[in-house]
Amino acid sequence: MNTKNDNFSAYVGLDWADKKHDICVQVKDEESRAFSVISHSPESINDWVEALHKKVKGNIAVAVVMVNKFCRDSKRHFLIHYISDVASYN
């Protein structure tokens, strides 16, 4: 069975926390992954999302890890819609 999904230009793993966010990005057709950490601020998140979209110019799959209930309830909805809105904007 072929599980390859060609609909995405990049795959992101995002560990969402209250002070910082650890990120792993695998760009399609690149062998290595990029790891980074951004601060927990709207500006940092915005800058990171915009830079990623400029680099990959396509759909991005995002998996978000959130540990506590506060994060699950308040942030996930914002983050998913925010990334979709930036993708639509570009």
PDB file of N, CA and C in Angstrom:
ATOM      1  N   MET A   1       0.842  -1.177   0.000  1.00  0.00           N
ATOM      2  CA  MET A   1       0.000   0.000   0.000  1.00  0.00           C
ATOM      3  C   MET A   1       0.888   1.241   0.000  1.00  0.00           C
ATOM      4  N   ASN A   2       0.600   2.173  -0.864  1.00  0.00           N
ATOM      5  CA  ASN A   2       1.336   3.431  -0.943  1.00  0.00           C
ATOM      6  C   ASN A   2       0.701   4.441  -0.009  1.00  0.00           C
ATOM      7  N   THR A   3       1.468   4.899   0.984  1.00  0.00           N
ATOM      8  CA  THR A   3       0.919   5.866   1.940  1.00  0.00           C
ATOM      9  C   THR A   3       1.433   7.271   1.672  1.00  0.00           C
ATOM     10  N   LYS A   4       2.174   7.464   0.613  1.00  0.00           N
ATOM     11  CA  LYS A   4       2.712   8.785   0.293  1.00  0.00           C
ATOM     12  C   LYS A   4       1.582   9.733  -0.078  1.00  0.00           C
ATOM     13  N   ASN A   5       1.634  10.932   0.461  1.00  0.00           N
ATOM     14  CA  ASN A   5       0.621  11.944   0.176  1.00  0.00           C
ATOM     15  C   ASN A   5       1.294  13.116  -0.515  1.00  0.00           C
ATOM     16  N   ASP A   6       1.018  13.302  -1.786  1.00  0.00           N
ATOM     17  CA  ASP A   6       1.637  14.369  -2.561  1.00  0.00           C
ATOM     18  C   ASP A   6       0.870  15.684  -2.485  1.00  0.00           C
ATOM     19  N   ASN A   7      -0.139  15.770  -1.621  1.00  0.00           N
ATOM     20  CA  ASN A   7      -0.925  16.998  -1.516  1.00  0.00           C
ATOM     21  C   ASN A   7      -0.244  18.072  -0.684  1.00  0.00           C
ATOM     22  N   PHE A   8       0.842  17.739   0.006  1.00  0.00           N
ATOM     23  CA  PHE A   8       1.475  18.688   0.910  1.00  0.00           C
ATOM     24  C   PHE A   8       2.897  18.997   0.483  1.00  0.00           C
ATOM     25  N   SER A   9       3.257  20.259   0.608  1.00  0.00           N
ATOM     26  CA  SER A   9       4.618  20.702   0.308  1.00  0.00           C
ATOM     27  C   SER A   9       5.526  20.588   1.519  1.00  0.00           C
ATOM     28  N   ALA A  10       4.919  20.526   2.708  1.00  0.00           N
ATOM     29  CA  ALA A  10       5.700  20.389   3.937  1.00  0.00           C
ATOM     30  C   ALA A  10       4.835  19.759   5.012  1.00  0.00           C
ATOM     31  N   TYR A  11       5.524  19.120   5.963  1.00  0.00           N
ATOM     32  CA  TYR A  11       4.876  18.506   7.121  1.00  0.00           C
ATOM     33  C   TYR A  11       5.493  19.131   8.363  1.00  0.00           C
ATOM     34  N   VAL A  12       4.632  19.584   9.282  1.00  0.00           N
ATOM     35  CA  VAL A  12       5.097  20.285  10.472  1.00  0.00           C
ATOM     36  C   VAL A  12       4.628  19.559  11.720  1.00  0.00           C
ATOM     37  N   GLY A  13       5.554  19.378  12.650  1.00  0.00           N
ATOM     38  CA  GLY A  13       5.225  18.920  13.996  1.00  0.00           C
ATOM     39  C   GLY A  13       5.445  20.096  14.920  1.00  0.00           C
ATOM     40  N   LEU A  14       4.430  20.472  15.681  1.00  0.00           N
ATOM     41  CA  LEU A  14       4.492  21.658  16.531  1.00  0.00           C
ATOM     42  C   LEU A  14       4.129  21.286  17.953  1.00  0.00           C
ATOM     43  N   ASP A  15       5.075  21.464  18.862  1.00  0.00           N
ATOM     44  CA  ASP A  15       4.840  21.216  20.285  1.00  0.00           C
ATOM     45  C   ASP A  15       4.473  22.550  20.911  1.00  0.00           C
ATOM     46  N   TRP A  16       3.183  22.732  21.163  1.00  0.00           N
ATOM     47  CA  TRP A  16       2.631  24.004  21.651  1.00  0.00           C
ATOM     48  C   TRP A  16       2.755  24.072  23.167  1.00  0.00           C
ATOM     49  N   ALA A  17       3.385  25.126  23.675  1.00  0.00           N
ATOM     50  CA  ALA A  17       3.551  25.309  25.115  1.00  0.00           C
ATOM     51  C   ALA A  17       3.212  26.753  25.487  1.00  0.00           C
ATOM     52  N   ASP A  18       3.286  27.043  26.762  1.00  0.00           N
ATOM     53  CA  ASP A  18       2.863  28.377  27.197  1.00  0.00           C
ATOM     54  C   ASP A  18       3.939  29.451  27.036  1.00  0.00           C
ATOM     55  N   LYS A  19       5.223  29.069  26.868  1.00  0.00           N
ATOM     56  CA  LYS A  19       6.291  30.062  26.738  1.00  0.00           C
ATOM     57  C   LYS A  19       7.051  29.977  25.420  1.00  0.00           C
ATOM     58  N   LYS A  20       7.069  28.788  24.825  1.00  0.00           N
ATOM     59  CA  LYS A  20       7.788  28.595  23.558  1.00  0.00           C
ATOM     60  C   LYS A  20       7.142  27.442  22.798  1.00  0.00           C
ATOM     61  N   HIS A  21       7.493  27.349  21.529  1.00  0.00           N
ATOM     62  CA  HIS A  21       6.970  26.275  20.686  1.00  0.00           C
ATOM     63  C   HIS A  21       8.136  25.623  19.947  1.00  0.00           C
ATOM     64  N   ASP A  22       8.284  24.309  20.110  1.00  0.00           N
ATOM     65  CA  ASP A  22       9.299  23.547  19.396  1.00  0.00           C
ATOM     66  C   ASP A  22       8.698  23.079  18.081  1.00  0.00           C
ATOM     67  N   ILE A  23       9.468  23.228  17.006  1.00  0.00           N
ATOM     68  CA  ILE A  23       8.947  22.954  15.673  1.00  0.00           C
ATOM     69  C   ILE A  23       9.899  22.045  14.901  1.00  0.00           C
ATOM     70  N   CYS A  24       9.314  21.107  14.179  1.00  0.00           N
ATOM     71  CA  CYS A  24      10.058  20.261  13.249  1.00  0.00           C
ATOM     72  C   CYS A  24       9.361  20.368  11.895  1.00  0.00           C
ATOM     73  N   VAL A  25      10.128  20.685  10.860  1.00  0.00           N
ATOM     74  CA  VAL A  25       9.560  20.832   9.512  1.00  0.00           C
ATOM     75  C   VAL A  25      10.275  19.885   8.560  1.00  0.00           C
ATOM     76  N   GLN A  26       9.482  19.107   7.840  1.00  0.00           N
ATOM     77  CA  GLN A  26       9.997  18.246   6.774  1.00  0.00           C
ATOM     78  C   GLN A  26       9.413  18.760   5.462  1.00  0.00           C
ATOM     79  N   VAL A  27      10.254  19.362   4.647  1.00  0.00           N
ATOM     80  CA  VAL A  27       9.814  19.865   3.349  1.00  0.00           C
ATOM     81  C   VAL A  27       9.855  18.715   2.354  1.00  0.00           C
ATOM     82  N   LYS A  28       8.832  18.633   1.538  1.00  0.00           N
ATOM     83  CA  LYS A  28       8.725  17.577   0.529  1.00  0.00           C
ATOM     84  C   LYS A  28       9.982  17.555  -0.345  1.00  0.00           C
ATOM     85  N   ASP A  29      10.476  16.352  -0.603  1.00  0.00           N
ATOM     86  CA  ASP A  29      11.634  16.115  -1.460  1.00  0.00           C
ATOM     87  C   ASP A  29      12.960  16.607  -0.869  1.00  0.00           C
ATOM     88  N   GLU A  30      12.985  16.973   0.404  1.00  0.00           N
ATOM     89  CA  GLU A  30      14.248  17.289   1.076  1.00  0.00           C
ATOM     90  C   GLU A  30      14.550  16.156   2.037  1.00  0.00           C
ATOM     91  N   GLU A  31      15.814  15.806   2.164  1.00  0.00           N
ATOM     92  CA  GLU A  31      16.185  14.678   3.016  1.00  0.00           C
ATOM     93  C   GLU A  31      16.237  15.025   4.490  1.00  0.00           C
ATOM     94  N   SER A  32      16.625  16.237   4.837  1.00  0.00           N
ATOM     95  CA  SER A  32      16.781  16.576   6.247  1.00  0.00           C
ATOM     96  C   SER A  32      15.590  17.379   6.758  1.00  0.00           C
ATOM     97  N   ARG A  33      15.413  17.308   8.063  1.00  0.00           N
ATOM     98  CA  ARG A  33      14.368  18.076   8.730  1.00  0.00           C
ATOM     99  C   ARG A  33      14.988  19.317   9.356  1.00  0.00           C
ATOM    100  N   ALA A  34      14.175  20.359   9.488  1.00  0.00           N
ATOM    101  CA  ALA A  34      14.620  21.588  10.148  1.00  0.00           C
ATOM    102  C   ALA A  34      13.941  21.671  11.508  1.00  0.00           C
ATOM    103  N   PHE A  35      14.730  21.959  12.527  1.00  0.00           N
ATOM    104  CA  PHE A  35      14.212  22.097  13.885  1.00  0.00           C
ATOM    105  C   PHE A  35      14.396  23.539  14.326  1.00  0.00           C
ATOM    106  N   SER A  36      13.384  24.073  14.995  1.00  0.00           N
ATOM    107  CA  SER A  36      13.491  25.437  15.498  1.00  0.00           C
ATOM    108  C   SER A  36      12.611  25.609  16.728  1.00  0.00           C
ATOM    109  N   VAL A  37      12.833  26.722  17.399  1.00  0.00           N
ATOM    110  CA  VAL A  37      12.040  27.089  18.565  1.00  0.00           C
ATOM    111  C   VAL A  37      11.624  28.540  18.378  1.00  0.00           C
ATOM    112  N   ILE A  38      10.344  28.818  18.588  1.00  0.00           N
ATOM    113  CA  ILE A  38       9.877  30.202  18.540  1.00  0.00           C
ATOM    114  C   ILE A  38       9.215  30.546  19.867  1.00  0.00           C
ATOM    115  N   SER A  39       9.205  31.819  20.166  1.00  0.00           N
ATOM    116  CA  SER A  39       8.577  32.253  21.414  1.00  0.00           C
ATOM    117  C   SER A  39       7.059  32.245  21.272  1.00  0.00           C
ATOM    118  N   HIS A  40       6.404  32.264  22.396  1.00  0.00           N
ATOM    119  CA  HIS A  40       4.938  32.247  22.434  1.00  0.00           C
ATOM    120  C   HIS A  40       4.421  33.681  22.350  1.00  0.00           C
ATOM    121  N   SER A  41       4.426  34.203  21.132  1.00  0.00           N
ATOM    122  CA  SER A  41       3.890  35.544  20.900  1.00  0.00           C
ATOM    123  C   SER A  41       3.239  35.565  19.518  1.00  0.00           C
ATOM    124  N   PRO A  42       2.220  36.382  19.346  1.00  0.00           N
ATOM    125  CA  PRO A  42       1.583  36.464  18.024  1.00  0.00           C
ATOM    126  C   PRO A  42       2.567  36.844  16.919  1.00  0.00           C
ATOM    127  N   GLU A  43       3.507  37.719  17.228  1.00  0.00           N
ATOM    128  CA  GLU A  43       4.465  38.162  16.223  1.00  0.00           C
ATOM    129  C   GLU A  43       5.390  37.019  15.789  1.00  0.00           C
ATOM    130  N   SER A  44       5.877  36.254  16.757  1.00  0.00           N
ATOM    131  CA  SER A  44       6.756  35.131  16.426  1.00  0.00           C
ATOM    132  C   SER A  44       6.037  34.085  15.588  1.00  0.00           C
ATOM    133  N   ILE A  45       4.819  33.776  15.971  1.00  0.00           N
ATOM    134  CA  ILE A  45       4.036  32.783  15.225  1.00  0.00           C
ATOM    135  C   ILE A  45       3.761  33.292  13.816  1.00  0.00           C
ATOM    136  N   ASN A  46       3.369  34.546  13.700  1.00  0.00           N
ATOM    137  CA  ASN A  46       3.094  35.140  12.401  1.00  0.00           C
ATOM    138  C   ASN A  46       4.327  35.112  11.505  1.00  0.00           C
ATOM    139  N   ASP A  47       5.469  35.533  12.036  1.00  0.00           N
ATOM    140  CA  ASP A  47       6.704  35.552  11.249  1.00  0.00           C
ATOM    141  C   ASP A  47       7.079  34.147  10.782  1.00  0.00           C
ATOM    142  N   TRP A  48       6.944  33.171  11.672  1.00  0.00           N
ATOM    143  CA  TRP A  48       7.292  31.792  11.321  1.00  0.00           C
ATOM    144  C   TRP A  48       6.374  31.250  10.219  1.00  0.00           C
ATOM    145  N   VAL A  49       5.076  31.457  10.370  1.00  0.00           N
ATOM    146  CA  VAL A  49       4.114  30.954   9.378  1.00  0.00           C
ATOM    147  C   VAL A  49       4.358  31.612   8.021  1.00  0.00           C
ATOM    148  N   GLU A  50       4.541  32.913   8.001  1.00  0.00           N
ATOM    149  CA  GLU A  50       4.768  33.602   6.735  1.00  0.00           C
ATOM    150  C   GLU A  50       6.062  33.132   6.058  1.00  0.00           C
ATOM    151  N   ALA A  51       7.125  32.949   6.838  1.00  0.00           N
ATOM    152  CA  ALA A  51       8.396  32.478   6.267  1.00  0.00           C
ATOM    153  C   ALA A  51       8.255  31.071   5.691  1.00  0.00           C
ATOM    154  N   LEU A  52       7.542  30.207   6.402  1.00  0.00           N
ATOM    155  CA  LEU A  52       7.344  28.844   5.908  1.00  0.00           C
ATOM    156  C   LEU A  52       6.548  28.846   4.610  1.00  0.00           C
ATOM    157  N   HIS A  53       5.499  29.631   4.537  1.00  0.00           N
ATOM    158  CA  HIS A  53       4.704  29.674   3.301  1.00  0.00           C
ATOM    159  C   HIS A  53       5.487  30.250   2.133  1.00  0.00           C
ATOM    160  N   LYS A  54       6.336  31.206   2.388  1.00  0.00           N
ATOM    161  CA  LYS A  54       7.170  31.742   1.307  1.00  0.00           C
ATOM    162  C   LYS A  54       8.151  30.693   0.809  1.00  0.00           C
ATOM    163  N   LYS A  55       8.644  29.866   1.715  1.00  0.00           N
ATOM    164  CA  LYS A  55       9.612  28.834   1.340  1.00  0.00           C
ATOM    165  C   LYS A  55       8.964  27.702   0.559  1.00  0.00           C
ATOM    166  N   VAL A  56       7.838  27.180   1.032  1.00  0.00           N
ATOM    167  CA  VAL A  56       7.292  25.968   0.423  1.00  0.00           C
ATOM    168  C   VAL A  56       6.230  26.226  -0.631  1.00  0.00           C
ATOM    169  N   LYS A  57       5.557  27.339  -0.591  1.00  0.00           N
ATOM    170  CA  LYS A  57       4.562  27.711  -1.605  1.00  0.00           C
ATOM    171  C   LYS A  57       3.583  26.584  -1.927  1.00  0.00           C
ATOM    172  N   GLY A  58       2.928  26.073  -0.896  1.00  0.00           N
ATOM    173  CA  GLY A  58       1.948  25.021  -1.116  1.00  0.00           C
ATOM    174  C   GLY A  58       1.270  24.633   0.179  1.00  0.00           C
ATOM    175  N   ASN A  59       0.482  23.585   0.112  1.00  0.00           N
ATOM    176  CA  ASN A  59      -0.229  23.105   1.292  1.00  0.00           C
ATOM    177  C   ASN A  59       0.747  22.569   2.335  1.00  0.00           C
ATOM    178  N   ILE A  60       0.411  22.816   3.599  1.00  0.00           N
ATOM    179  CA  ILE A  60       1.253  22.372   4.706  1.00  0.00           C
ATOM    180  C   ILE A  60       0.405  21.570   5.673  1.00  0.00           C
ATOM    181  N   ALA A  61       0.863  20.360   5.991  1.00  0.00           N
ATOM    182  CA  ALA A  61       0.190  19.527   6.990  1.00  0.00           C
ATOM    183  C   ALA A  61       0.791  19.861   8.348  1.00  0.00           C
ATOM    184  N   VAL A  62      -0.062  20.076   9.347  1.00  0.00           N
ATOM    185  CA  VAL A  62       0.404  20.461  10.678  1.00  0.00           C
ATOM    186  C   VAL A  62      -0.172  19.514  11.717  1.00  0.00           C
ATOM    187  N   ALA A  63       0.733  18.960  12.536  1.00  0.00           N
ATOM    188  CA  ALA A  63       0.323  18.158  13.692  1.00  0.00           C
ATOM    189  C   ALA A  63       0.722  18.951  14.934  1.00  0.00           C
ATOM    190  N   VAL A  64      -0.241  19.219  15.805  1.00  0.00           N
ATOM    191  CA  VAL A  64       0.008  20.031  16.995  1.00  0.00           C
ATOM    192  C   VAL A  64      -0.095  19.147  18.236  1.00  0.00           C
ATOM    193  N   VAL A  65       0.925  19.233  19.088  1.00  0.00           N
ATOM    194  CA  VAL A  65       0.917  18.518  20.356  1.00  0.00           C
ATOM    195  C   VAL A  65       0.658  19.537  21.458  1.00  0.00           C
ATOM    196  N   MET A  66      -0.403  19.298  22.234  1.00  0.00           N
ATOM    197  CA  MET A  66      -0.743  20.176  23.359  1.00  0.00           C
ATOM    198  C   MET A  66      -1.011  19.297  24.561  1.00  0.00           C
ATOM    199  N   VAL A  67      -0.423  19.643  25.685  1.00  0.00           N
ATOM    200  CA  VAL A  67      -0.502  18.775  26.843  1.00  0.00           C
ATOM    201  C   VAL A  67      -1.635  19.137  27.788  1.00  0.00           C
ATOM    202  N   ASN A  68      -1.736  20.381  28.186  1.00  0.00           N
ATOM    203  CA  ASN A  68      -2.743  20.693  29.205  1.00  0.00           C
ATOM    204  C   ASN A  68      -4.084  21.090  28.612  1.00  0.00           C
ATOM    205  N   LYS A  69      -5.114  20.997  29.410  1.00  0.00           N
ATOM    206  CA  LYS A  69      -6.477  21.260  28.958  1.00  0.00           C
ATOM    207  C   LYS A  69      -6.643  22.693  28.469  1.00  0.00           C
ATOM    208  N   PHE A  70      -6.012  23.647  29.137  1.00  0.00           N
ATOM    209  CA  PHE A  70      -6.130  25.039  28.716  1.00  0.00           C
ATOM    210  C   PHE A  70      -5.671  25.208  27.269  1.00  0.00           C
ATOM    211  N   CYS A  71      -4.535  24.633  26.949  1.00  0.00           N
ATOM    212  CA  CYS A  71      -4.021  24.737  25.576  1.00  0.00           C
ATOM    213  C   CYS A  71      -4.961  24.072  24.585  1.00  0.00           C
ATOM    214  N   ARG A  72      -5.426  22.891  24.919  1.00  0.00           N
ATOM    215  CA  ARG A  72      -6.316  22.179  23.991  1.00  0.00           C
ATOM    216  C   ARG A  72      -7.578  22.986  23.717  1.00  0.00           C
ATOM    217  N   ASP A  73      -8.148  23.576  24.741  1.00  0.00           N
ATOM    218  CA  ASP A  73      -9.415  24.273  24.567  1.00  0.00           C
ATOM    219  C   ASP A  73      -9.270  25.628  23.895  1.00  0.00           C
ATOM    220  N   SER A  74      -8.197  26.357  24.175  1.00  0.00           N
ATOM    221  CA  SER A  74      -8.145  27.736  23.714  1.00  0.00           C
ATOM    222  C   SER A  74      -7.267  27.977  22.500  1.00  0.00           C
ATOM    223  N   LYS A  75      -6.278  27.158  22.253  1.00  0.00           N
ATOM    224  CA  LYS A  75      -5.297  27.473  21.215  1.00  0.00           C
ATOM    225  C   LYS A  75      -5.485  26.717  19.911  1.00  0.00           C
ATOM    226  N   ARG A  76      -5.905  25.478  19.986  1.00  0.00           N
ATOM    227  CA  ARG A  76      -5.949  24.652  18.776  1.00  0.00           C
ATOM    228  C   ARG A  76      -6.814  25.291  17.696  1.00  0.00           C
ATOM    229  N   HIS A  77      -7.985  25.726  18.048  1.00  0.00           N
ATOM    230  CA  HIS A  77      -8.903  26.313  17.075  1.00  0.00           C
ATOM    231  C   HIS A  77      -8.258  27.523  16.408  1.00  0.00           C
ATOM    232  N   PHE A  78      -7.634  28.384  17.205  1.00  0.00           N
ATOM    233  CA  PHE A  78      -6.960  29.570  16.668  1.00  0.00           C
ATOM    234  C   PHE A  78      -5.851  29.178  15.711  1.00  0.00           C
ATOM    235  N   LEU A  79      -4.995  28.261  16.109  1.00  0.00           N
ATOM    236  CA  LEU A  79      -3.822  27.921  15.320  1.00  0.00           C
ATOM    237  C   LEU A  79      -4.213  27.321  13.970  1.00  0.00           C
ATOM    238  N   ILE A  80      -5.134  26.400  13.965  1.00  0.00           N
ATOM    239  CA  ILE A  80      -5.533  25.753  12.713  1.00  0.00           C
ATOM    240  C   ILE A  80      -6.149  26.768  11.757  1.00  0.00           C
ATOM    241  N   HIS A  81      -7.015  27.629  12.264  1.00  0.00           N
ATOM    242  CA  HIS A  81      -7.616  28.640  11.401  1.00  0.00           C
ATOM    243  C   HIS A  81      -6.591  29.676  10.964  1.00  0.00           C
ATOM    244  N   TYR A  82      -5.671  30.031  11.840  1.00  0.00           N
ATOM    245  CA  TYR A  82      -4.650  31.005  11.497  1.00  0.00           C
ATOM    246  C   TYR A  82      -3.790  30.498  10.342  1.00  0.00           C
ATOM    247  N   ILE A  83      -3.336  29.263  10.416  1.00  0.00           N
ATOM    248  CA  ILE A  83      -2.503  28.714   9.350  1.00  0.00           C
ATOM    249  C   ILE A  83      -3.298  28.616   8.058  1.00  0.00           C
ATOM    250  N   SER A  84      -4.560  28.233   8.131  1.00  0.00           N
ATOM    251  CA  SER A  84      -5.394  28.166   6.933  1.00  0.00           C
ATOM    252  C   SER A  84      -5.587  29.549   6.332  1.00  0.00           C
ATOM    253  N   ASP A  85      -5.785  30.564   7.171  1.00  0.00           N
ATOM    254  CA  ASP A  85      -5.983  31.923   6.670  1.00  0.00           C
ATOM    255  C   ASP A  85      -4.734  32.451   5.987  1.00  0.00           C
ATOM    256  N   VAL A  86      -3.559  32.185   6.556  1.00  0.00           N
ATOM    257  CA  VAL A  86      -2.321  32.626   5.932  1.00  0.00           C
ATOM    258  C   VAL A  86      -2.125  31.916   4.617  1.00  0.00           C
ATOM    259  N   ALA A  87      -2.453  30.625   4.562  1.00  0.00           N
ATOM    260  CA  ALA A  87      -2.312  29.865   3.317  1.00  0.00           C
ATOM    261  C   ALA A  87      -3.236  30.449   2.246  1.00  0.00           C
ATOM    262  N   SER A  88      -4.430  30.821   2.617  1.00  0.00           N
ATOM    263  CA  SER A  88      -5.375  31.394   1.669  1.00  0.00           C
ATOM    264  C   SER A  88      -4.926  32.783   1.213  1.00  0.00           C
ATOM    265  N   TYR A  89      -4.330  33.526   2.130  1.00  0.00           N
ATOM    266  CA  TYR A  89      -3.879  34.878   1.838  1.00  0.00           C
ATOM    267  C   TYR A  89      -2.759  34.892   0.825  1.00  0.00           C
ATOM    268  N   ASN A  90      -1.837  33.926   0.977  1.00  0.00           N
ATOM    269  CA  ASN A  90      -0.677  33.902   0.075  1.00  0.00           C
ATOM    270  C   ASN A  90      -1.073  33.234  -1.221  1.00  0.00           C
TER     271      ASN A  90
END
